[in-house]
Amino acid sequence: MNPVLRLAISALALAAGLAVGAAAPASAATDCGSNANIGHVHRRLEGAIDQLSHDRHDYGGHRVSAIDDMQQARAQLVAAQQYAIGVAHDNPACFRARGSTGGSDSRWGMRGQRGSNGNIAGVDRWVGRLIAQLNRDEHDYGGHRVDAIRDLQAAQGQLAQADAYARAHGL
């Protein structure tokens, strides 16, 4: 075969291969691991909010402010899930979390002061673990993951102030 013809055929084959590769759709595989992480953090955050709702003392308003910050973080996690489903077209089933939320057993009612003080510290550690879990996530979800982290960090600040309030007031 003529070397020029062979070169032309090779060039055409290469061009056809590139055109097919460029037209091939990107992988539609959903990263359920990252989405499941958002679902898990959302579920555990519900438990943390529930835990704080059973503390008798308000710690100078810091407990309620921490709950408000956590509720804002929860709204960001919901927005992240909606972004993944609506924009990225991820599978909604990936967000299903299993297991306990870690929330309170509301049948026993409100905690006493000593239990509330311990709970403030426990929820602070819990929120720290949720922040670490979100920091390890691969996706940003349109900025909602980062916003949820910011809100959780604000909640941690409120919990630290609640702890300081308890110490300053001999609670």
N, C-alpha and C. Protein backbone atom coordinates (compact mmCIF):
# COMPACT_ATOMS: atom_id res chain seq x y z
N MET A 1 0.85 -1.17 0.00
CA MET A 1 0.00 0.00 0.00
C MET A 1 0.90 1.23 0.00
N ASN A 2 0.43 2.24 -0.69
CA ASN A 2 1.13 3.49 -0.83
C ASN A 2 1.28 4.15 0.56
N PRO A 3 2.48 4.60 0.94
CA PRO A 3 2.69 5.20 2.26
C PRO A 3 1.83 6.44 2.50
N VAL A 4 1.58 7.23 1.48
CA VAL A 4 0.74 8.42 1.64
C VAL A 4 -0.70 8.00 1.91
N LEU A 5 -1.17 6.99 1.19
CA LEU A 5 -2.52 6.49 1.40
C LEU A 5 -2.65 5.88 2.80
N ARG A 6 -1.63 5.14 3.23
CA ARG A 6 -1.64 4.55 4.56
C ARG A 6 -1.71 5.64 5.63
N LEU A 7 -0.96 6.72 5.46
CA LEU A 7 -0.97 7.83 6.40
C LEU A 7 -2.34 8.51 6.42
N ALA A 8 -2.96 8.66 5.26
CA ALA A 8 -4.28 9.29 5.18
C ALA A 8 -5.33 8.43 5.87
N ILE A 9 -5.28 7.12 5.68
CA ILE A 9 -6.23 6.20 6.32
C ILE A 9 -6.03 6.24 7.83
N SER A 10 -4.77 6.25 8.30
CA SER A 10 -4.49 6.31 9.73
C SER A 10 -5.02 7.61 10.33
N ALA A 11 -4.84 8.71 9.62
CA ALA A 11 -5.33 10.01 10.10
C ALA A 11 -6.84 10.01 10.19
N LEU A 12 -7.51 9.43 9.17
CA LEU A 12 -8.98 9.35 9.20
C LEU A 12 -9.46 8.48 10.35
N ALA A 13 -8.80 7.37 10.59
CA ALA A 13 -9.18 6.47 11.69
C ALA A 13 -9.00 7.17 13.03
N LEU A 14 -7.89 7.90 13.18
CA LEU A 14 -7.66 8.62 14.41
C LEU A 14 -8.71 9.71 14.62
N ALA A 15 -9.04 10.44 13.57
CA ALA A 15 -10.05 11.50 13.66
C ALA A 15 -11.41 10.91 14.01
N ALA A 16 -11.75 9.78 13.40
CA ALA A 16 -13.03 9.14 13.69
C ALA A 16 -13.08 8.66 15.14
N GLY A 17 -11.97 8.12 15.63
CA GLY A 17 -11.92 7.66 17.02
C GLY A 17 -12.07 8.82 17.99
N LEU A 18 -11.43 9.94 17.70
CA LEU A 18 -11.56 11.11 18.56
C LEU A 18 -12.98 11.65 18.54
N ALA A 19 -13.61 11.65 17.36
CA ALA A 19 -14.98 12.16 17.26
C ALA A 19 -15.93 11.29 18.05
N VAL A 20 -15.76 9.99 17.99
CA VAL A 20 -16.62 9.08 18.75
C VAL A 20 -16.37 9.28 20.24
N GLY A 21 -15.11 9.42 20.64
CA GLY A 21 -14.79 9.63 22.05
C GLY A 21 -15.34 10.94 22.56
N ALA A 22 -15.32 11.98 21.74
CA ALA A 22 -15.84 13.28 22.17
C ALA A 22 -17.35 13.25 22.27
N ALA A 23 -18.00 12.44 21.45
CA ALA A 23 -19.46 12.39 21.48
C ALA A 23 -19.98 11.46 22.56
N ALA A 24 -19.11 10.61 23.10
CA ALA A 24 -19.57 9.66 24.12
C ALA A 24 -19.97 10.42 25.38
N PRO A 25 -21.09 10.05 25.97
CA PRO A 25 -21.53 10.75 27.18
C PRO A 25 -20.60 10.48 28.35
N ALA A 26 -20.52 11.45 29.24
CA ALA A 26 -19.73 11.28 30.46
C ALA A 26 -20.38 10.20 31.31
N SER A 27 -19.61 9.65 32.19
CA SER A 27 -20.13 8.59 33.05
C SER A 27 -21.29 9.12 33.88
N ALA A 28 -22.39 8.42 33.85
CA ALA A 28 -23.57 8.83 34.59
C ALA A 28 -23.64 8.17 35.97
N ALA A 29 -22.55 7.50 36.34
CA ALA A 29 -22.55 6.81 37.63
C ALA A 29 -22.58 7.83 38.77
N THR A 30 -23.49 7.67 39.67
CA THR A 30 -23.63 8.56 40.82
C THR A 30 -22.69 8.11 41.92
N ASP A 31 -22.09 9.07 42.57
CA ASP A 31 -21.24 8.76 43.71
C ASP A 31 -22.12 8.67 44.94
N CYS A 32 -22.65 7.49 45.20
CA CYS A 32 -23.55 7.33 46.34
C CYS A 32 -22.82 7.53 47.66
N GLY A 33 -21.52 7.31 47.70
CA GLY A 33 -20.79 7.49 48.95
C GLY A 33 -20.88 8.91 49.46
N SER A 34 -20.64 9.87 48.59
CA SER A 34 -20.70 11.27 48.99
C SER A 34 -22.12 11.68 49.34
N ASN A 35 -23.07 11.24 48.56
CA ASN A 35 -24.46 11.58 48.83
C ASN A 35 -24.96 10.92 50.11
N ALA A 36 -24.54 9.69 50.34
CA ALA A 36 -24.93 9.01 51.58
C ALA A 36 -24.34 9.73 52.79
N ASN A 37 -23.14 10.30 52.62
CA ASN A 37 -22.53 11.06 53.71
C ASN A 37 -23.39 12.27 54.08
N ILE A 38 -23.88 12.99 53.07
CA ILE A 38 -24.75 14.14 53.33
C ILE A 38 -26.01 13.67 54.05
N GLY A 39 -26.59 12.56 53.60
CA GLY A 39 -27.78 12.03 54.25
C GLY A 39 -27.51 11.63 55.69
N HIS A 40 -26.35 11.02 55.93
CA HIS A 40 -26.00 10.59 57.29
C HIS A 40 -25.81 11.80 58.21
N VAL A 41 -25.10 12.81 57.73
CA VAL A 41 -24.88 14.01 58.55
C VAL A 41 -26.22 14.67 58.85
N HIS A 42 -27.10 14.73 57.85
CA HIS A 42 -28.43 15.31 58.04
C HIS A 42 -29.18 14.57 59.15
N ARG A 43 -29.16 13.26 59.09
CA ARG A 43 -29.87 12.45 60.08
C ARG A 43 -29.29 12.65 61.48
N ARG A 44 -27.97 12.65 61.59
CA ARG A 44 -27.32 12.83 62.90
C ARG A 44 -27.53 14.25 63.43
N LEU A 45 -27.61 15.21 62.54
CA LEU A 45 -27.86 16.59 62.96
C LEU A 45 -29.25 16.71 63.58
N GLU A 46 -30.20 15.99 63.03
CA GLU A 46 -31.55 15.97 63.63
C GLU A 46 -31.46 15.49 65.09
N GLY A 47 -30.64 14.47 65.33
CA GLY A 47 -30.48 13.96 66.68
C GLY A 47 -29.82 14.97 67.61
N ALA A 48 -28.83 15.72 67.09
CA ALA A 48 -28.17 16.74 67.91
C ALA A 48 -29.14 17.85 68.29
N ILE A 49 -29.96 18.28 67.35
CA ILE A 49 -30.96 19.30 67.63
C ILE A 49 -31.94 18.79 68.68
N ASP A 50 -32.34 17.56 68.54
CA ASP A 50 -33.26 16.96 69.50
C ASP A 50 -32.62 16.89 70.89
N GLN A 51 -31.36 16.52 70.95
CA GLN A 51 -30.66 16.46 72.23
C GLN A 51 -30.71 17.81 72.95
N LEU A 52 -30.40 18.88 72.23
CA LEU A 52 -30.39 20.21 72.85
C LEU A 52 -31.78 20.67 73.27
N SER A 53 -32.80 20.16 72.61
CA SER A 53 -34.17 20.60 72.94
C SER A 53 -34.62 20.06 74.30
N HIS A 54 -33.87 19.14 74.88
CA HIS A 54 -34.24 18.56 76.18
C HIS A 54 -33.41 19.11 77.34
N ASP A 55 -32.67 20.19 77.09
CA ASP A 55 -31.92 20.85 78.15
C ASP A 55 -32.79 21.91 78.78
N ARG A 56 -32.83 21.91 80.10
CA ARG A 56 -33.69 22.82 80.85
C ARG A 56 -33.19 24.26 80.80
N HIS A 57 -31.89 24.46 80.87
CA HIS A 57 -31.33 25.81 80.96
C HIS A 57 -31.00 26.33 79.56
N ASP A 58 -31.08 27.66 79.39
CA ASP A 58 -30.82 28.26 78.08
C ASP A 58 -29.40 28.82 77.95
N TYR A 59 -28.67 28.92 79.05
CA TYR A 59 -27.28 29.37 79.03
C TYR A 59 -27.13 30.73 78.36
N GLY A 60 -27.93 31.68 78.82
CA GLY A 60 -27.83 33.05 78.31
C GLY A 60 -28.22 33.18 76.84
N GLY A 61 -29.05 32.28 76.36
CA GLY A 61 -29.49 32.33 74.97
C GLY A 61 -28.61 31.55 74.00
N HIS A 62 -27.47 31.05 74.48
CA HIS A 62 -26.52 30.36 73.59
C HIS A 62 -27.03 29.00 73.13
N ARG A 63 -27.78 28.31 73.98
CA ARG A 63 -28.33 27.00 73.56
C ARG A 63 -29.30 27.19 72.40
N VAL A 64 -30.20 28.17 72.52
CA VAL A 64 -31.18 28.42 71.46
C VAL A 64 -30.47 28.90 70.19
N SER A 65 -29.44 29.73 70.35
CA SER A 65 -28.68 30.19 69.18
C SER A 65 -27.98 29.03 68.49
N ALA A 66 -27.47 28.10 69.28
CA ALA A 66 -26.82 26.91 68.70
C ALA A 66 -27.85 26.09 67.92
N ILE A 67 -29.04 25.94 68.49
CA ILE A 67 -30.10 25.21 67.78
C ILE A 67 -30.44 25.92 66.47
N ASP A 68 -30.54 27.25 66.52
CA ASP A 68 -30.83 28.02 65.30
C ASP A 68 -29.75 27.80 64.24
N ASP A 69 -28.49 27.84 64.65
CA ASP A 69 -27.39 27.60 63.70
C ASP A 69 -27.46 26.20 63.11
N MET A 70 -27.80 25.22 63.96
CA MET A 70 -27.90 23.84 63.47
C MET A 70 -29.08 23.68 62.51
N GLN A 71 -30.15 24.41 62.77
CA GLN A 71 -31.30 24.35 61.86
C GLN A 71 -30.94 24.99 60.52
N GLN A 72 -30.12 26.03 60.54
CA GLN A 72 -29.64 26.62 59.28
C GLN A 72 -28.75 25.62 58.54
N ALA A 73 -27.90 24.91 59.28
CA ALA A 73 -27.06 23.88 58.66
C ALA A 73 -27.93 22.78 58.05
N ARG A 74 -28.99 22.42 58.77
CA ARG A 74 -29.92 21.40 58.25
C ARG A 74 -30.54 21.88 56.94
N ALA A 75 -30.93 23.15 56.88
CA ALA A 75 -31.50 23.70 55.64
C ALA A 75 -30.48 23.64 54.50
N GLN A 76 -29.21 23.87 54.81
CA GLN A 76 -28.17 23.78 53.78
C GLN A 76 -27.99 22.34 53.31
N LEU A 77 -28.11 21.39 54.21
CA LEU A 77 -27.99 19.98 53.82
C LEU A 77 -29.16 19.57 52.93
N VAL A 78 -30.36 20.07 53.24
CA VAL A 78 -31.52 19.81 52.39
C VAL A 78 -31.30 20.43 51.01
N ALA A 79 -30.76 21.66 50.99
CA ALA A 79 -30.48 22.32 49.71
C ALA A 79 -29.41 21.56 48.93
N ALA A 80 -28.42 20.99 49.64
CA ALA A 80 -27.40 20.18 48.97
C ALA A 80 -28.02 18.95 48.33
N GLN A 81 -28.94 18.31 49.05
CA GLN A 81 -29.62 17.14 48.50
C GLN A 81 -30.46 17.53 47.28
N GLN A 82 -31.16 18.65 47.38
CA GLN A 82 -31.98 19.11 46.25
C GLN A 82 -31.10 19.46 45.06
N TYR A 83 -29.94 20.05 45.32
CA TYR A 83 -29.00 20.38 44.25
C TYR A 83 -28.53 19.10 43.55
N ALA A 84 -28.15 18.11 44.34
CA ALA A 84 -27.64 16.86 43.76
C ALA A 84 -28.70 16.17 42.91
N ILE A 85 -29.93 16.20 43.37
CA ILE A 85 -31.01 15.52 42.64
C ILE A 85 -31.46 16.37 41.44
N GLY A 86 -31.66 17.67 41.66
CA GLY A 86 -32.20 18.53 40.61
C GLY A 86 -31.21 18.98 39.57
N VAL A 87 -29.97 19.24 39.97
CA VAL A 87 -28.97 19.76 39.05
C VAL A 87 -28.05 18.65 38.54
N ALA A 88 -27.53 17.85 39.45
CA ALA A 88 -26.60 16.79 39.06
C ALA A 88 -27.33 15.50 38.67
N HIS A 89 -28.62 15.47 38.89
CA HIS A 89 -29.46 14.30 38.55
C HIS A 89 -29.00 13.02 39.24
N ASP A 90 -28.60 13.17 40.49
CA ASP A 90 -28.19 12.01 41.29
C ASP A 90 -29.42 11.23 41.75
N ASN A 91 -29.19 10.01 42.11
CA ASN A 91 -30.24 9.11 42.57
C ASN A 91 -30.67 9.50 43.99
N PRO A 92 -31.95 9.84 44.20
CA PRO A 92 -32.42 10.21 45.54
C PRO A 92 -32.20 9.10 46.58
N ALA A 93 -32.19 7.85 46.14
CA ALA A 93 -32.00 6.74 47.08
C ALA A 93 -30.63 6.80 47.75
N CYS A 94 -29.69 7.49 47.15
CA CYS A 94 -28.34 7.57 47.73
C CYS A 94 -28.33 8.35 49.04
N PHE A 95 -29.33 9.17 49.29
CA PHE A 95 -29.33 10.01 50.48
C PHE A 95 -29.96 9.33 51.69
N ARG A 96 -30.52 8.16 51.51
CA ARG A 96 -31.16 7.47 52.63
C ARG A 96 -30.12 7.03 53.65
N ALA A 97 -30.32 7.48 54.88
CA ALA A 97 -29.40 7.10 55.96
C ALA A 97 -30.10 6.09 56.85
N ARG A 98 -29.33 5.20 57.39
CA ARG A 98 -29.87 4.18 58.27
C ARG A 98 -29.29 4.36 59.67
N GLY A 99 -29.91 3.73 60.61
CA GLY A 99 -29.41 3.76 61.98
C GLY A 99 -30.04 4.87 62.80
N SER A 100 -29.64 4.90 64.02
CA SER A 100 -30.19 5.85 64.98
C SER A 100 -29.73 7.27 64.67
N THR A 101 -30.58 8.23 64.99
CA THR A 101 -30.18 9.63 64.88
C THR A 101 -29.34 10.03 66.08
N GLY A 102 -29.47 9.28 67.16
CA GLY A 102 -28.80 9.66 68.40
C GLY A 102 -29.58 10.67 69.20
N GLY A 103 -30.82 10.90 68.79
CA GLY A 103 -31.66 11.87 69.48
C GLY A 103 -32.11 11.37 70.85
N SER A 104 -32.77 12.27 71.57
CA SER A 104 -33.23 11.96 72.93
C SER A 104 -34.46 11.07 72.90
N ASP A 105 -34.66 10.40 74.00
CA ASP A 105 -35.91 9.69 74.22
C ASP A 105 -36.82 10.69 74.92
N SER A 106 -37.72 11.31 74.19
CA SER A 106 -38.51 12.42 74.72
C SER A 106 -39.43 12.00 75.86
N ARG A 107 -39.61 10.71 76.06
CA ARG A 107 -40.49 10.26 77.15
C ARG A 107 -39.95 10.65 78.51
N TRP A 108 -38.66 10.83 78.64
CA TRP A 108 -38.13 11.16 79.95
C TRP A 108 -38.08 12.66 80.20
N GLY A 109 -38.44 13.48 79.24
CA GLY A 109 -38.60 14.92 79.45
C GLY A 109 -37.31 15.70 79.50
N MET A 110 -37.30 16.71 80.32
CA MET A 110 -36.19 17.65 80.38
C MET A 110 -35.08 17.14 81.31
N ARG A 111 -33.85 17.45 80.96
CA ARG A 111 -32.69 17.09 81.78
C ARG A 111 -32.55 18.05 82.95
N GLY A 112 -31.94 17.58 84.00
CA GLY A 112 -31.55 18.45 85.10
C GLY A 112 -30.32 19.25 84.70
N GLN A 113 -29.88 20.13 85.59
CA GLN A 113 -28.77 21.03 85.26
C GLN A 113 -27.48 20.29 84.96
N ARG A 114 -27.13 19.33 85.80
CA ARG A 114 -25.89 18.58 85.59
C ARG A 114 -25.91 17.84 84.24
N GLY A 115 -27.03 17.20 83.95
CA GLY A 115 -27.16 16.50 82.67
C GLY A 115 -27.12 17.46 81.49
N SER A 116 -27.72 18.64 81.65
CA SER A 116 -27.69 19.64 80.58
C SER A 116 -26.27 20.12 80.31
N ASN A 117 -25.51 20.36 81.38
CA ASN A 117 -24.12 20.79 81.20
C ASN A 117 -23.32 19.74 80.43
N GLY A 118 -23.50 18.49 80.81
CA GLY A 118 -22.81 17.41 80.10
C GLY A 118 -23.28 17.29 78.66
N ASN A 119 -24.55 17.53 78.44
CA ASN A 119 -25.10 17.43 77.09
C ASN A 119 -24.53 18.51 76.18
N ILE A 120 -24.38 19.73 76.71
CA ILE A 120 -23.80 20.82 75.91
C ILE A 120 -22.42 20.41 75.40
N ALA A 121 -21.60 19.87 76.28
CA ALA A 121 -20.26 19.42 75.90
C ALA A 121 -20.33 18.25 74.92
N GLY A 122 -21.24 17.33 75.16
CA GLY A 122 -21.38 16.17 74.27
C GLY A 122 -21.83 16.56 72.87
N VAL A 123 -22.81 17.45 72.79
CA VAL A 123 -23.29 17.89 71.46
C VAL A 123 -22.20 18.69 70.75
N ASP A 124 -21.40 19.44 71.50
CA ASP A 124 -20.29 20.18 70.89
C ASP A 124 -19.32 19.21 70.21
N ARG A 125 -18.96 18.13 70.90
CA ARG A 125 -18.07 17.11 70.30
C ARG A 125 -18.74 16.46 69.08
N TRP A 126 -20.03 16.20 69.20
CA TRP A 126 -20.80 15.56 68.14
C TRP A 126 -20.80 16.45 66.90
N VAL A 127 -21.06 17.74 67.08
CA VAL A 127 -21.07 18.67 65.95
C VAL A 127 -19.68 18.73 65.32
N GLY A 128 -18.64 18.68 66.14
CA GLY A 128 -17.28 18.65 65.60
C GLY A 128 -17.05 17.45 64.69
N ARG A 129 -17.58 16.31 65.08
CA ARG A 129 -17.45 15.11 64.23
C ARG A 129 -18.23 15.27 62.92
N LEU A 130 -19.40 15.92 62.99
CA LEU A 130 -20.18 16.16 61.77
C LEU A 130 -19.43 17.09 60.82
N ILE A 131 -18.78 18.11 61.38
CA ILE A 131 -17.99 19.03 60.55
C ILE A 131 -16.85 18.26 59.88
N ALA A 132 -16.16 17.43 60.64
CA ALA A 132 -15.06 16.63 60.08
C ALA A 132 -15.58 15.72 58.97
N GLN A 133 -16.74 15.14 59.18
CA GLN A 133 -17.32 14.25 58.18
C GLN A 133 -17.64 15.03 56.91
N LEU A 134 -18.20 16.21 57.03
CA LEU A 134 -18.50 17.03 55.85
C LEU A 134 -17.22 17.51 55.17
N ASN A 135 -16.18 17.78 55.94
CA ASN A 135 -14.91 18.22 55.35
C ASN A 135 -14.27 17.13 54.50
N ARG A 136 -14.56 15.88 54.80
CA ARG A 136 -14.00 14.77 54.01
C ARG A 136 -14.81 14.48 52.75
N ASP A 137 -15.93 15.14 52.58
CA ASP A 137 -16.80 14.86 51.44
C ASP A 137 -16.17 15.36 50.15
N GLU A 138 -16.44 14.66 49.06
CA GLU A 138 -15.87 14.98 47.75
C GLU A 138 -16.58 16.13 47.04
N HIS A 139 -17.84 16.30 47.27
CA HIS A 139 -18.63 17.24 46.48
C HIS A 139 -18.98 18.49 47.26
N ASP A 140 -19.24 19.56 46.53
CA ASP A 140 -19.57 20.84 47.15
C ASP A 140 -21.06 21.11 47.16
N TYR A 141 -21.80 20.47 46.24
CA TYR A 141 -23.26 20.62 46.17
C TYR A 141 -23.66 22.09 46.02
N GLY A 142 -23.04 22.77 45.06
CA GLY A 142 -23.39 24.15 44.79
C GLY A 142 -23.08 25.09 45.94
N GLY A 143 -22.12 24.77 46.77
CA GLY A 143 -21.73 25.61 47.91
C GLY A 143 -22.49 25.30 49.18
N HIS A 144 -23.50 24.45 49.11
CA HIS A 144 -24.32 24.17 50.30
C HIS A 144 -23.57 23.39 51.38
N ARG A 145 -22.66 22.53 50.98
CA ARG A 145 -21.88 21.77 51.97
C ARG A 145 -21.02 22.73 52.80
N VAL A 146 -20.35 23.65 52.13
CA VAL A 146 -19.51 24.62 52.82
C VAL A 146 -20.36 25.52 53.71
N ASP A 147 -21.53 25.91 53.24
CA ASP A 147 -22.42 26.73 54.07
C ASP A 147 -22.89 25.97 55.30
N ALA A 148 -23.15 24.68 55.15
CA ALA A 148 -23.55 23.86 56.30
C ALA A 148 -22.41 23.78 57.31
N ILE A 149 -21.19 23.64 56.82
CA ILE A 149 -20.02 23.61 57.72
C ILE A 149 -19.92 24.93 58.47
N ARG A 150 -20.09 26.03 57.76
CA ARG A 150 -20.03 27.36 58.41
C ARG A 150 -21.08 27.47 59.51
N ASP A 151 -22.30 27.01 59.23
CA ASP A 151 -23.37 27.07 60.24
C ASP A 151 -23.07 26.17 61.43
N LEU A 152 -22.50 25.00 61.17
CA LEU A 152 -22.15 24.10 62.26
C LEU A 152 -21.02 24.67 63.11
N GLN A 153 -20.08 25.36 62.48
CA GLN A 153 -19.01 26.00 63.23
C GLN A 153 -19.58 27.12 64.11
N ALA A 154 -20.57 27.84 63.59
CA ALA A 154 -21.24 28.88 64.39
C ALA A 154 -21.94 28.23 65.59
N ALA A 155 -22.57 27.08 65.37
CA ALA A 155 -23.22 26.36 66.47
C ALA A 155 -22.19 25.95 67.51
N GLN A 156 -21.04 25.49 67.06
CA GLN A 156 -19.98 25.12 68.01
C GLN A 156 -19.56 26.33 68.84
N GLY A 157 -19.48 27.48 68.21
CA GLY A 157 -19.14 28.70 68.94
C GLY A 157 -20.18 29.01 70.01
N GLN A 158 -21.45 28.83 69.66
CA GLN A 158 -22.52 29.07 70.64
C GLN A 158 -22.46 28.05 71.78
N LEU A 159 -22.14 26.81 71.46
CA LEU A 159 -22.04 25.79 72.50
C LEU A 159 -20.87 26.08 73.44
N ALA A 160 -19.76 26.57 72.88
CA ALA A 160 -18.62 26.96 73.73
C ALA A 160 -19.01 28.12 74.64
N GLN A 161 -19.78 29.06 74.11
CA GLN A 161 -20.23 30.18 74.94
C GLN A 161 -21.22 29.72 76.00
N ALA A 162 -22.05 28.73 75.66
CA ALA A 162 -22.98 28.17 76.65
C ALA A 162 -22.20 27.52 77.79
N ASP A 163 -21.14 26.78 77.44
CA ASP A 163 -20.30 26.16 78.46
C ASP A 163 -19.64 27.22 79.33
N ALA A 164 -19.13 28.27 78.72
CA ALA A 164 -18.51 29.36 79.48
C ALA A 164 -19.53 30.05 80.39
N TYR A 165 -20.75 30.19 79.90
CA TYR A 165 -21.82 30.80 80.68
C TYR A 165 -22.10 29.95 81.93
N ALA A 166 -22.17 28.64 81.72
CA ALA A 166 -22.44 27.74 82.85
C ALA A 166 -21.35 27.85 83.90
N ARG A 167 -20.10 27.91 83.49
CA ARG A 167 -18.98 28.01 84.43
C ARG A 167 -19.00 29.35 85.16
N ALA A 168 -19.28 30.42 84.40
CA ALA A 168 -19.27 31.76 85.00
C ALA A 168 -20.41 31.96 85.99
N HIS A 169 -21.50 31.23 85.79
CA HIS A 169 -22.68 31.39 86.64
C HIS A 169 -22.85 30.24 87.64
N GLY A 170 -21.84 29.41 87.75
CA GLY A 170 -21.88 28.32 88.73
C GLY A 170 -22.98 27.30 88.48
N LEU A 171 -23.28 27.09 87.23
CA LEU A 171 -24.34 26.11 86.90
C LEU A 171 -23.78 24.70 86.82
